């Protein structure tokens, strides 16, 4: 029998982090991500890792 659905990821993202933003902060974040053709999640992951790498 053939399995259906989405294939398993080689590097699953199992942890969720949340934050609260006001309307202006959210709009600025959305615009920044859109200009760079990224989702908000992709942008946040990228920027968090950049910050960690530069401070290490």
PDB file of N, CA and C in Angstrom:
ATOM      1  N   UNK A   1       0.835  -1.177   0.000  1.00  0.00           N
ATOM      2  CA  UNK A   1       0.000   0.000   0.000  1.00  0.00           C
ATOM      3  C   UNK A   1       0.888   1.253   0.000  1.00  0.00           C
ATOM      4  N   UNK A   2       0.554   2.222  -0.809  1.00  0.00           N
ATOM      5  CA  UNK A   2       1.311   3.454  -0.958  1.00  0.00           C
ATOM      6  C   UNK A   2       0.867   4.457   0.112  1.00  0.00           C
ATOM      7  N   UNK A   3       1.857   5.075   0.785  1.00  0.00           N
ATOM      8  CA  UNK A   3       1.534   6.100   1.774  1.00  0.00           C
ATOM      9  C   UNK A   3       1.178   7.396   1.057  1.00  0.00           C
ATOM     10  N   UNK A   4       0.208   8.117   1.596  1.00  0.00           N
ATOM     11  CA  UNK A   4      -0.175   9.403   1.026  1.00  0.00           C
ATOM     12  C   UNK A   4       0.107  10.495   2.043  1.00  0.00           C
ATOM     13  N   UNK A   5       0.085  11.720   1.576  1.00  0.00           N
ATOM     14  CA  UNK A   5       0.311  12.848   2.465  1.00  0.00           C
ATOM     15  C   UNK A   5       1.680  13.464   2.257  1.00  0.00           C
ATOM     16  N   UNK A   6       1.988  14.369   3.126  1.00  0.00           N
ATOM     17  CA  UNK A   6       3.248  15.119   3.037  1.00  0.00           C
ATOM     18  C   UNK A   6       4.420  14.230   3.445  1.00  0.00           C
ATOM     19  N   UNK A   7       5.526  14.300   2.690  1.00  0.00           N
ATOM     20  CA  UNK A   7       6.709  13.503   3.065  1.00  0.00           C
ATOM     21  C   UNK A   7       7.329  14.021   4.366  1.00  0.00           C
ATOM     22  N   UNK A   8       7.971  13.129   5.097  1.00  0.00           N
ATOM     23  CA  UNK A   8       8.627  13.497   6.346  1.00  0.00           C
ATOM     24  C   UNK A   8       9.812  14.415   6.057  1.00  0.00           C
ATOM     25  N   UNK A   9      10.013  15.394   6.914  1.00  0.00           N
ATOM     26  CA  UNK A   9      11.124  16.329   6.779  1.00  0.00           C
ATOM     27  C   UNK A   9      12.403  15.723   7.335  1.00  0.00           C
ATOM     28  N   UNK A  10      13.529  16.058   6.706  1.00  0.00           N
ATOM     29  CA  UNK A  10      14.821  15.616   7.212  1.00  0.00           C
ATOM     30  C   UNK A  10      15.203  16.370   8.485  1.00  0.00           C
ATOM     31  N   UNK A  11      14.666  17.566   8.635  1.00  0.00           N
ATOM     32  CA  UNK A  11      14.977  18.398   9.790  1.00  0.00           C
ATOM     33  C   UNK A  11      13.677  19.023  10.319  1.00  0.00           C
ATOM     34  N   UNK A  12      12.849  18.233  11.000  1.00  0.00           N
ATOM     35  CA  UNK A  12      11.551  18.762  11.437  1.00  0.00           C
ATOM     36  C   UNK A  12      11.701  19.879  12.467  1.00  0.00           C
ATOM     37  N   UNK A  13      10.790  20.815  12.411  1.00  0.00           N
ATOM     38  CA  UNK A  13      10.780  21.921  13.365  1.00  0.00           C
ATOM     39  C   UNK A  13       9.755  21.580  14.441  1.00  0.00           C
ATOM     40  N   UNK A  14      10.244  21.007  15.543  1.00  0.00           N
ATOM     41  CA  UNK A  14       9.370  20.464  16.564  1.00  0.00           C
ATOM     42  C   UNK A  14       9.040  21.449  17.681  1.00  0.00           C
ATOM     43  N   UNK A  15       9.734  22.574  17.741  1.00  0.00           N
ATOM     44  CA  UNK A  15       9.530  23.508  18.838  1.00  0.00           C
ATOM     45  C   UNK A  15       8.899  24.795  18.337  1.00  0.00           C
ATOM     46  N   UNK A  16       7.971  25.305  19.120  1.00  0.00           N
ATOM     47  CA  UNK A  16       7.245  26.511  18.745  1.00  0.00           C
ATOM     48  C   UNK A  16       7.563  27.609  19.756  1.00  0.00           C
ATOM     49  N   UNK A  17       7.877  28.797  19.257  1.00  0.00           N
ATOM     50  CA  UNK A  17       8.154  29.960  20.093  1.00  0.00           C
ATOM     51  C   UNK A  17       7.153  31.035  19.703  1.00  0.00           C
ATOM     52  N   UNK A  18       6.594  31.704  20.692  1.00  0.00           N
ATOM     53  CA  UNK A  18       5.621  32.742  20.353  1.00  0.00           C
ATOM     54  C   UNK A  18       6.005  34.069  21.007  1.00  0.00           C
ATOM     55  N   UNK A  19       5.483  35.129  20.425  1.00  0.00           N
ATOM     56  CA  UNK A  19       5.732  36.470  20.935  1.00  0.00           C
ATOM     57  C   UNK A  19       4.517  37.329  20.605  1.00  0.00           C
ATOM     58  N   UNK A  20       4.318  38.367  21.388  1.00  0.00           N
ATOM     59  CA  UNK A  20       3.194  39.268  21.147  1.00  0.00           C
ATOM     60  C   UNK A  20       3.735  40.584  20.594  1.00  0.00           C
ATOM     61  N   UNK A  21       3.078  41.081  19.551  1.00  0.00           N
ATOM     62  CA  UNK A  21       3.459  42.338  18.918  1.00  0.00           C
ATOM     63  C   UNK A  21       2.250  43.252  18.866  1.00  0.00           C
ATOM     64  N   UNK A  22       2.504  44.551  18.862  1.00  0.00           N
ATOM     65  CA  UNK A  22       1.382  45.460  18.638  1.00  0.00           C
ATOM     66  C   UNK A  22       1.166  45.575  17.117  1.00  0.00           C
ATOM     67  N   UNK A  23       0.135  46.282  16.722  1.00  0.00           N
ATOM     68  CA  UNK A  23      -0.238  46.378  15.298  1.00  0.00           C
ATOM     69  C   UNK A  23       0.900  46.939  14.452  1.00  0.00           C
ATOM     70  N   UNK A  24       1.536  48.005  14.924  1.00  0.00           N
ATOM     71  CA  UNK A  24       2.612  48.632  14.152  1.00  0.00           C
ATOM     72  C   UNK A  24       3.802  47.682  13.986  1.00  0.00           C
ATOM     73  N   UNK A  25       4.194  47.018  15.057  1.00  0.00           N
ATOM     74  CA  UNK A  25       5.319  46.085  14.993  1.00  0.00           C
ATOM     75  C   UNK A  25       5.027  44.946  14.021  1.00  0.00           C
ATOM     76  N   UNK A  26       3.796  44.426  14.079  1.00  0.00           N
ATOM     77  CA  UNK A  26       3.414  43.326  13.189  1.00  0.00           C
ATOM     78  C   UNK A  26       3.428  43.765  11.729  1.00  0.00           C
ATOM     79  N   UNK A  27       2.894  44.934  11.446  1.00  0.00           N
ATOM     80  CA  UNK A  27       2.869  45.441  10.072  1.00  0.00           C
ATOM     81  C   UNK A  27       4.285  45.661   9.540  1.00  0.00           C
ATOM     82  N   UNK A  28       5.159  46.195  10.374  1.00  0.00           N
ATOM     83  CA  UNK A  28       6.552  46.408   9.960  1.00  0.00           C
ATOM     84  C   UNK A  28       7.242  45.080   9.690  1.00  0.00           C
ATOM     85  N   UNK A  29       7.008  44.096  10.540  1.00  0.00           N
ATOM     86  CA  UNK A  29       7.593  42.765  10.371  1.00  0.00           C
ATOM     87  C   UNK A  29       7.091  42.117   9.081  1.00  0.00           C
ATOM     88  N   UNK A  30       5.787  42.207   8.852  1.00  0.00           N
ATOM     89  CA  UNK A  30       5.187  41.639   7.643  1.00  0.00           C
ATOM     90  C   UNK A  30       5.766  42.278   6.377  1.00  0.00           C
ATOM     91  N   UNK A  31       5.906  43.595   6.393  1.00  0.00           N
ATOM     92  CA  UNK A  31       6.451  44.314   5.239  1.00  0.00           C
ATOM     93  C   UNK A  31       7.907  43.927   4.999  1.00  0.00           C
ATOM     94  N   UNK A  32       8.700  43.868   6.064  1.00  0.00           N
ATOM     95  CA  UNK A  32      10.112  43.502   5.970  1.00  0.00           C
ATOM     96  C   UNK A  32      10.266  42.110   5.366  1.00  0.00           C
ATOM     97  N   UNK A  33       9.460  41.171   5.834  1.00  0.00           N
ATOM     98  CA  UNK A  33       9.504  39.797   5.308  1.00  0.00           C
ATOM     99  C   UNK A  33       9.068  39.761   3.848  1.00  0.00           C
ATOM    100  N   UNK A  34       8.017  40.484   3.524  1.00  0.00           N
ATOM    101  CA  UNK A  34       7.492  40.501   2.164  1.00  0.00           C
ATOM    102  C   UNK A  34       8.505  41.051   1.165  1.00  0.00           C
ATOM    103  N   UNK A  35       9.186  42.116   1.527  1.00  0.00           N
ATOM    104  CA  UNK A  35      10.195  42.723   0.655  1.00  0.00           C
ATOM    105  C   UNK A  35      11.297  41.717   0.327  1.00  0.00           C
ATOM    106  N   UNK A  36      11.611  40.859   1.288  1.00  0.00           N
ATOM    107  CA  UNK A  36      12.677  39.863   1.107  1.00  0.00           C
ATOM    108  C   UNK A  36      12.168  38.514   0.618  1.00  0.00           C
ATOM    109  N   UNK A  37      10.880  38.460   0.269  1.00  0.00           N
ATOM    110  CA  UNK A  37      10.241  37.224  -0.219  1.00  0.00           C
ATOM    111  C   UNK A  37      10.410  36.064   0.756  1.00  0.00           C
ATOM    112  N   UNK A  38      10.202  36.357   2.040  1.00  0.00           N
ATOM    113  CA  UNK A  38      10.280  35.346   3.087  1.00  0.00           C
ATOM    114  C   UNK A  38       8.973  35.321   3.861  1.00  0.00           C
ATOM    115  N   UNK A  39       8.681  34.189   4.468  1.00  0.00           N
ATOM    116  CA  UNK A  39       7.574  34.171   5.418  1.00  0.00           C
ATOM    117  C   UNK A  39       8.086  34.783   6.712  1.00  0.00           C
ATOM    118  N   UNK A  40       7.201  35.162   7.580  1.00  0.00           N
ATOM    119  CA  UNK A  40       7.615  35.712   8.870  1.00  0.00           C
ATOM    120  C   UNK A  40       8.430  34.676   9.630  1.00  0.00           C
ATOM    121  N   UNK A  41       8.028  33.420   9.596  1.00  0.00           N
ATOM    122  CA  UNK A  41       8.768  32.357  10.290  1.00  0.00           C
ATOM    123  C   UNK A  41      10.183  32.213   9.740  1.00  0.00           C
ATOM    124  N   UNK A  42      10.314  32.224   8.423  1.00  0.00           N
ATOM    125  CA  UNK A  42      11.646  32.113   7.810  1.00  0.00           C
ATOM    126  C   UNK A  42      12.522  33.290   8.222  1.00  0.00           C
ATOM    127  N   UNK A  43      11.948  34.485   8.179  1.00  0.00           N
ATOM    128  CA  UNK A  43      12.684  35.687   8.551  1.00  0.00           C
ATOM    129  C   UNK A  43      13.149  35.630  10.003  1.00  0.00           C
ATOM    130  N   UNK A  44      12.254  35.251  10.903  1.00  0.00           N
ATOM    131  CA  UNK A  44      12.618  35.189  12.314  1.00  0.00           C
ATOM    132  C   UNK A  44      13.697  34.149  12.574  1.00  0.00           C
ATOM    133  N   UNK A  45      13.563  32.967  11.956  1.00  0.00           N
ATOM    134  CA  UNK A  45      14.600  31.935  12.123  1.00  0.00           C
ATOM    135  C   UNK A  45      15.955  32.460  11.650  1.00  0.00           C
ATOM    136  N   UNK A  46      15.962  33.072  10.478  1.00  0.00           N
ATOM    137  CA  UNK A  46      17.198  33.585   9.887  1.00  0.00           C
ATOM    138  C   UNK A  46      17.834  34.652  10.793  1.00  0.00           C
ATOM    139  N   UNK A  47      17.047  35.603  11.249  1.00  0.00           N
ATOM    140  CA  UNK A  47      17.575  36.697  12.059  1.00  0.00           C
ATOM    141  C   UNK A  47      18.019  36.221  13.440  1.00  0.00           C
ATOM    142  N   UNK A  48      17.292  35.305  14.037  1.00  0.00           N
ATOM    143  CA  UNK A  48      17.684  34.763  15.340  1.00  0.00           C
ATOM    144  C   UNK A  48      19.042  34.065  15.217  1.00  0.00           C
ATOM    145  N   UNK A  49      19.205  33.241  14.199  1.00  0.00           N
ATOM    146  CA  UNK A  49      20.473  32.548  14.012  1.00  0.00           C
ATOM    147  C   UNK A  49      21.609  33.512  13.711  1.00  0.00           C
ATOM    148  N   UNK A  50      21.347  34.549  12.941  1.00  0.00           N
ATOM    149  CA  UNK A  50      22.371  35.570  12.660  1.00  0.00           C
ATOM    150  C   UNK A  50      22.821  36.239  13.955  1.00  0.00           C
ATOM    151  N   UNK A  51      21.875  36.588  14.818  1.00  0.00           N
ATOM    152  CA  UNK A  51      22.215  37.222  16.087  1.00  0.00           C
ATOM    153  C   UNK A  51      23.041  36.307  16.962  1.00  0.00           C
ATOM    154  N   UNK A  52      22.652  35.053  17.039  1.00  0.00           N
ATOM    155  CA  UNK A  52      23.383  34.087  17.859  1.00  0.00           C
ATOM    156  C   UNK A  52      24.803  33.899  17.310  1.00  0.00           C
ATOM    157  N   UNK A  53      24.917  33.774  15.994  1.00  0.00           N
ATOM    158  CA  UNK A  53      26.223  33.556  15.370  1.00  0.00           C
ATOM    159  C   UNK A  53      27.153  34.754  15.563  1.00  0.00           C
ATOM    160  N   UNK A  54      26.629  35.962  15.495  1.00  0.00           N
ATOM    161  CA  UNK A  54      27.484  37.142  15.634  1.00  0.00           C
ATOM    162  C   UNK A  54      27.903  37.378  17.085  1.00  0.00           C
ATOM    163  N   UNK A  55      27.120  36.901  18.029  1.00  0.00           N
ATOM    164  CA  UNK A  55      27.447  37.093  19.438  1.00  0.00           C
ATOM    165  C   UNK A  55      28.290  35.953  20.006  1.00  0.00           C
ATOM    166  N   UNK A  56      28.450  34.894  19.244  1.00  0.00           N
ATOM    167  CA  UNK A  56      29.232  33.738  19.734  1.00  0.00           C
ATOM    168  C   UNK A  56      30.705  33.906  19.468  1.00  0.00           C
TER     169      UNK A  56
END
